[in-house]
Amino acid sequence: MKKFIAIMCISLFATVTLAQGKFTVPTPTDQQKFQTAAWQWNSAYLHLISYGKSNGKSVEEIASSVGDDWTKTWNKEDGFDGLVSSMLYICVCMVPDGSVEILEQTDNKIVIKVKGWYPYLKERGTFLNVSYAEFIEFMNIGVNKIAEFMGATFSQKDTEDGLVMNFGKK
């Protein structure tokens, strides 16, 4: 009987072991999910820019068109405060391995520094025929469209220490 039970246990173990497939469902951490989502989001912008360029459009034309579309998803009544709160949130989400810091703020102005905005592209130089400078210009024009729509001003400067963004109330 012991021999029979041993054989059954070994057979069951072998069946379970061999029945497992080559692939398993991954179980990424929340941080890994976050990193992947941000990477995908940034890459989608690169595909958009690349496709537009392949159709003879300039980065400025692409960003202006996309920025106009972006404004349709914003509530103008939220004004400057809504713009700043949302942009802070978006920036934090876009840099899972970076940081967002408020450098200066008043009731009418805020200056933030974003470190680690799409480091893969910055380190690589270009990807999908889009440079880091073009990507930053695309974001600058698009966010400017949103800021104008929300009754605000926007400017940004790419520095060694990060992307410095200025939002002002009109």
C-alpha atoms as a PDB file:
ATOM      1  CA  MET A   1       0.000   0.000   0.000  1.00  0.00           C
ATOM      2  CA  LYS A   2       2.873   2.389   0.823  1.00  0.00           C
ATOM      3  CA  LYS A   3       4.390   1.643  -2.550  1.00  0.00           C
ATOM      4  CA  PHE A   4       1.057   2.377  -4.243  1.00  0.00           C
ATOM      5  CA  ILE A   5       0.662   5.705  -2.373  1.00  0.00           C
ATOM      6  CA  ALA A   6       4.274   6.654  -3.192  1.00  0.00           C
ATOM      7  CA  ILE A   7       3.735   5.877  -6.880  1.00  0.00           C
ATOM      8  CA  MET A   8       0.483   7.845  -6.895  1.00  0.00           C
ATOM      9  CA  CYS A   9       2.166  10.847  -5.200  1.00  0.00           C
ATOM     10  CA  ILE A  10       5.092  10.754  -7.625  1.00  0.00           C
ATOM     11  CA  SER A  11       2.703  10.402 -10.577  1.00  0.00           C
ATOM     12  CA  LEU A  12       0.569  13.281  -9.314  1.00  0.00           C
ATOM     13  CA  PHE A  13       3.645  15.459  -8.770  1.00  0.00           C
ATOM     14  CA  ALA A  14       5.011  14.612 -12.231  1.00  0.00           C
ATOM     15  CA  THR A  15       1.645  15.336 -13.848  1.00  0.00           C
ATOM     16  CA  VAL A  16       1.314  18.694 -12.106  1.00  0.00           C
ATOM     17  CA  THR A  17       4.906  19.636 -12.929  1.00  0.00           C
ATOM     18  CA  LEU A  18       4.659  18.607 -16.564  1.00  0.00           C
ATOM     19  CA  ALA A  19       1.193  20.123 -16.956  1.00  0.00           C
ATOM     20  CA  GLN A  20       2.554  23.597 -16.254  1.00  0.00           C
ATOM     21  CA  GLY A  21       3.035  25.417 -19.489  1.00  0.00           C
ATOM     22  CA  LYS A  22       6.044  27.278 -20.723  1.00  0.00           C
ATOM     23  CA  PHE A  23       4.378  30.599 -19.916  1.00  0.00           C
ATOM     24  CA  THR A  24       2.883  31.977 -16.754  1.00  0.00           C
ATOM     25  CA  VAL A  25       0.878  35.106 -16.048  1.00  0.00           C
ATOM     26  CA  PRO A  26       3.260  37.770 -14.737  1.00  0.00           C
ATOM     27  CA  THR A  27       2.670  39.434 -11.384  1.00  0.00           C
ATOM     28  CA  PRO A  28       4.365  42.823 -11.618  1.00  0.00           C
ATOM     29  CA  THR A  29       4.485  45.109  -8.623  1.00  0.00           C
ATOM     30  CA  ASP A  30       2.444  48.304  -8.639  1.00  0.00           C
ATOM     31  CA  GLN A  31       5.658  50.234  -9.321  1.00  0.00           C
ATOM     32  CA  GLN A  32       6.413  48.051 -12.348  1.00  0.00           C
ATOM     33  CA  LYS A  33       2.867  48.562 -13.641  1.00  0.00           C
ATOM     34  CA  PHE A  34       3.257  52.304 -13.150  1.00  0.00           C
ATOM     35  CA  GLN A  35       6.602  52.363 -14.980  1.00  0.00           C
ATOM     36  CA  THR A  36       5.186  50.390 -17.890  1.00  0.00           C
ATOM     37  CA  ALA A  37       2.108  52.600 -18.175  1.00  0.00           C
ATOM     38  CA  ALA A  38       4.226  55.780 -18.209  1.00  0.00           C
ATOM     39  CA  TRP A  39       6.573  54.262 -20.794  1.00  0.00           C
ATOM     40  CA  GLN A  40       3.609  53.284 -22.974  1.00  0.00           C
ATOM     41  CA  TRP A  41       2.043  56.727 -22.612  1.00  0.00           C
ATOM     42  CA  ASN A  42       5.248  58.506 -23.642  1.00  0.00           C
ATOM     43  CA  SER A  43       5.808  56.052 -26.491  1.00  0.00           C
ATOM     44  CA  ALA A  44       2.303  56.708 -27.803  1.00  0.00           C
ATOM     45  CA  TYR A  45       3.250  60.377 -28.129  1.00  0.00           C
ATOM     46  CA  LEU A  46       6.388  59.398 -30.048  1.00  0.00           C
ATOM     47  CA  HIS A  47       4.342  57.265 -32.435  1.00  0.00           C
ATOM     48  CA  LEU A  48       1.957  60.159 -32.947  1.00  0.00           C
ATOM     49  CA  ILE A  49       4.801  62.579 -33.705  1.00  0.00           C
ATOM     50  CA  SER A  50       6.583  60.068 -35.936  1.00  0.00           C
ATOM     51  CA  TYR A  51       3.431  59.337 -37.914  1.00  0.00           C
ATOM     52  CA  GLY A  52       2.724  63.029 -38.392  1.00  0.00           C
ATOM     53  CA  LYS A  53       6.275  63.671 -39.569  1.00  0.00           C
ATOM     54  CA  SER A  54       6.034  60.771 -42.029  1.00  0.00           C
ATOM     55  CA  ASN A  55       3.008  62.552 -43.504  1.00  0.00           C
ATOM     56  CA  GLY A  56       4.919  65.790 -44.031  1.00  0.00           C
ATOM     57  CA  LYS A  57       3.728  67.600 -40.897  1.00  0.00           C
ATOM     58  CA  SER A  58       6.059  69.587 -38.651  1.00  0.00           C
ATOM     59  CA  VAL A  59       6.253  68.917 -34.924  1.00  0.00           C
ATOM     60  CA  GLU A  60       4.624  72.316 -34.407  1.00  0.00           C
ATOM     61  CA  GLU A  61       1.667  71.400 -36.625  1.00  0.00           C
ATOM     62  CA  ILE A  62       1.243  68.019 -34.942  1.00  0.00           C
ATOM     63  CA  ALA A  63       1.439  69.478 -31.439  1.00  0.00           C
ATOM     64  CA  SER A  64      -0.948  72.295 -32.265  1.00  0.00           C
ATOM     65  CA  SER A  65      -3.534  69.858 -33.592  1.00  0.00           C
ATOM     66  CA  VAL A  66      -3.120  67.479 -30.655  1.00  0.00           C
ATOM     67  CA  GLY A  67      -3.198  70.394 -28.202  1.00  0.00           C
ATOM     68  CA  ASP A  68      -6.495  71.529 -29.691  1.00  0.00           C
ATOM     69  CA  ASP A  69      -7.839  68.007 -29.128  1.00  0.00           C
ATOM     70  CA  TRP A  70      -6.507  67.951 -25.563  1.00  0.00           C
ATOM     71  CA  THR A  71      -8.434  71.108 -24.684  1.00  0.00           C
ATOM     72  CA  LYS A  72     -11.690  69.242 -25.381  1.00  0.00           C
ATOM     73  CA  THR A  73     -11.007  67.045 -22.348  1.00  0.00           C
ATOM     74  CA  TRP A  74     -10.490  69.942 -19.913  1.00  0.00           C
ATOM     75  CA  ASN A  75     -13.143  71.836 -17.939  1.00  0.00           C
ATOM     76  CA  LYS A  76     -12.503  75.535 -18.539  1.00  0.00           C
ATOM     77  CA  GLU A  77     -14.410  76.410 -15.362  1.00  0.00           C
ATOM     78  CA  ASP A  78     -11.645  74.765 -13.300  1.00  0.00           C
ATOM     79  CA  GLY A  79      -9.401  77.651 -14.346  1.00  0.00           C
ATOM     80  CA  PHE A  80      -5.839  78.187 -13.190  1.00  0.00           C
ATOM     81  CA  ASP A  81      -6.138  76.113 -10.010  1.00  0.00           C
ATOM     82  CA  GLY A  82      -7.579  73.154 -11.908  1.00  0.00           C
ATOM     83  CA  LEU A  83      -4.878  73.423 -14.559  1.00  0.00           C
ATOM     84  CA  VAL A  84      -2.064  73.467 -12.016  1.00  0.00           C
ATOM     85  CA  SER A  85      -3.507  70.650  -9.891  1.00  0.00           C
ATOM     86  CA  SER A  86      -4.055  68.464 -12.936  1.00  0.00           C
ATOM     87  CA  MET A  87      -0.657  69.196 -14.464  1.00  0.00           C
ATOM     88  CA  LEU A  88       1.095  68.404 -11.183  1.00  0.00           C
ATOM     89  CA  TYR A  89      -0.749  65.080 -11.115  1.00  0.00           C
ATOM     90  CA  ILE A  90       0.057  64.330 -14.768  1.00  0.00           C
ATOM     91  CA  CYS A  91       3.729  65.179 -14.275  1.00  0.00           C
ATOM     92  CA  VAL A  92       3.999  62.883 -11.253  1.00  0.00           C
ATOM     93  CA  CYS A  93       2.403  60.073 -13.276  1.00  0.00           C
ATOM     94  CA  MET A  94       4.718  60.622 -16.253  1.00  0.00           C
ATOM     95  CA  VAL A  95       7.919  60.276 -14.217  1.00  0.00           C
ATOM     96  CA  PRO A  96       7.619  57.112 -12.093  1.00  0.00           C
ATOM     97  CA  ASP A  97      11.383  57.042 -11.512  1.00  0.00           C
ATOM     98  CA  GLY A  98      11.768  60.807 -11.329  1.00  0.00           C
ATOM     99  CA  SER A  99      10.413  63.590  -9.197  1.00  0.00           C
ATOM    100  CA  VAL A 100       8.298  66.732  -9.283  1.00  0.00           C
ATOM    101  CA  GLU A 101       9.232  69.673  -7.102  1.00  0.00           C
ATOM    102  CA  ILE A 102       7.500  73.010  -6.575  1.00  0.00           C
ATOM    103  CA  LEU A 103      10.202  75.673  -6.815  1.00  0.00           C
ATOM    104  CA  GLU A 104       8.027  78.742  -6.347  1.00  0.00           C
ATOM    105  CA  GLN A 105       4.346  79.526  -5.989  1.00  0.00           C
ATOM    106  CA  THR A 106       1.982  82.414  -5.439  1.00  0.00           C
ATOM    107  CA  ASP A 107      -1.750  82.758  -6.046  1.00  0.00           C
ATOM    108  CA  ASN A 108      -0.991  83.744  -9.651  1.00  0.00           C
ATOM    109  CA  LYS A 109       2.096  81.703 -10.538  1.00  0.00           C
ATOM    110  CA  ILE A 110       3.775  78.363  -9.948  1.00  0.00           C
ATOM    111  CA  VAL A 111       7.151  77.076 -11.080  1.00  0.00           C
ATOM    112  CA  ILE A 112       7.822  73.339 -10.943  1.00  0.00           C
ATOM    113  CA  LYS A 113      10.795  71.171 -11.815  1.00  0.00           C
ATOM    114  CA  VAL A 114      10.258  67.729 -13.292  1.00  0.00           C
ATOM    115  CA  LYS A 115      13.192  65.331 -13.190  1.00  0.00           C
ATOM    116  CA  GLY A 116      13.262  62.156 -15.237  1.00  0.00           C
ATOM    117  CA  TRP A 117      10.828  62.987 -18.027  1.00  0.00           C
ATOM    118  CA  TYR A 118      11.291  60.118 -20.495  1.00  0.00           C
ATOM    119  CA  PRO A 119      14.937  59.347 -19.652  1.00  0.00           C
ATOM    120  CA  TYR A 120      15.088  56.546 -22.235  1.00  0.00           C
ATOM    121  CA  LEU A 121      14.552  59.031 -25.066  1.00  0.00           C
ATOM    122  CA  LYS A 122      16.850  61.636 -23.528  1.00  0.00           C
ATOM    123  CA  GLU A 123      19.683  59.094 -23.191  1.00  0.00           C
ATOM    124  CA  ARG A 124      19.100  57.539 -26.605  1.00  0.00           C
ATOM    125  CA  GLY A 125      18.778  60.837 -28.461  1.00  0.00           C
ATOM    126  CA  THR A 126      16.130  59.732 -30.953  1.00  0.00           C
ATOM    127  CA  PHE A 127      13.595  56.965 -31.215  1.00  0.00           C
ATOM    128  CA  LEU A 128      11.106  56.381 -34.022  1.00  0.00           C
ATOM    129  CA  ASN A 129      12.691  59.325 -35.832  1.00  0.00           C
ATOM    130  CA  VAL A 130      11.731  61.668 -32.972  1.00  0.00           C
ATOM    131  CA  SER A 131      14.361  63.488 -30.924  1.00  0.00           C
ATOM    132  CA  TYR A 132      14.088  64.379 -27.263  1.00  0.00           C
ATOM    133  CA  ALA A 133      14.046  68.072 -28.264  1.00  0.00           C
ATOM    134  CA  GLU A 134      11.102  67.426 -30.603  1.00  0.00           C
ATOM    135  CA  PHE A 135       9.262  65.516 -27.889  1.00  0.00           C
ATOM    136  CA  ILE A 136       9.765  68.374 -25.411  1.00  0.00           C
ATOM    137  CA  GLU A 137       8.658  70.917 -28.028  1.00  0.00           C
ATOM    138  CA  PHE A 138       5.546  68.804 -28.746  1.00  0.00           C
ATOM    139  CA  MET A 139       4.682  68.804 -25.040  1.00  0.00           C
ATOM    140  CA  ASN A 140       5.402  72.539 -24.762  1.00  0.00           C
ATOM    141  CA  ILE A 141       3.034  73.437 -27.606  1.00  0.00           C
ATOM    142  CA  GLY A 142       0.337  70.998 -26.457  1.00  0.00           C
ATOM    143  CA  VAL A 143       0.399  72.165 -22.846  1.00  0.00           C
ATOM    144  CA  ASN A 144       0.413  75.788 -24.036  1.00  0.00           C
ATOM    145  CA  LYS A 145      -2.853  75.099 -25.863  1.00  0.00           C
ATOM    146  CA  ILE A 146      -4.359  73.726 -22.644  1.00  0.00           C
ATOM    147  CA  ALA A 147      -3.039  76.646 -20.579  1.00  0.00           C
ATOM    148  CA  GLU A 148      -4.489  79.197 -23.014  1.00  0.00           C
ATOM    149  CA  PHE A 149      -7.823  77.387 -22.951  1.00  0.00           C
ATOM    150  CA  MET A 150      -7.799  77.423 -19.137  1.00  0.00           C
ATOM    151  CA  GLY A 151      -6.968  81.146 -18.957  1.00  0.00           C
ATOM    152  CA  ALA A 152      -3.321  80.714 -18.058  1.00  0.00           C
ATOM    153  CA  THR A 153       0.162  81.061 -19.468  1.00  0.00           C
ATOM    154  CA  PHE A 154       2.762  78.325 -19.748  1.00  0.00           C
ATOM    155  CA  SER A 155       6.443  78.118 -20.569  1.00  0.00           C
ATOM    156  CA  GLN A 156       9.094  75.502 -20.001  1.00  0.00           C
ATOM    157  CA  LYS A 157      12.842  75.175 -20.178  1.00  0.00           C
ATOM    158  CA  ASP A 158      14.823  71.958 -20.349  1.00  0.00           C
ATOM    159  CA  THR A 159      17.789  72.275 -17.980  1.00  0.00           C
ATOM    160  CA  GLU A 160      20.533  69.933 -16.787  1.00  0.00           C
ATOM    161  CA  ASP A 161      18.588  69.497 -13.553  1.00  0.00           C
ATOM    162  CA  GLY A 162      15.191  68.831 -15.115  1.00  0.00           C
ATOM    163  CA  LEU A 163      12.332  70.345 -17.031  1.00  0.00           C
ATOM    164  CA  VAL A 164      11.322  73.645 -15.417  1.00  0.00           C
ATOM    165  CA  MET A 165       7.681  74.556 -16.059  1.00  0.00           C
ATOM    166  CA  ASN A 166       6.086  77.947 -15.367  1.00  0.00           C
ATOM    167  CA  PHE A 167       2.317  78.379 -15.086  1.00  0.00           C
ATOM    168  CA  GLY A 168       0.803  81.833 -14.669  1.00  0.00           C
ATOM    169  CA  LYS A 169      -2.716  83.146 -14.242  1.00  0.00           C
ATOM    170  CA  LYS A 170      -3.824  85.591 -16.957  1.00  0.00           C
END
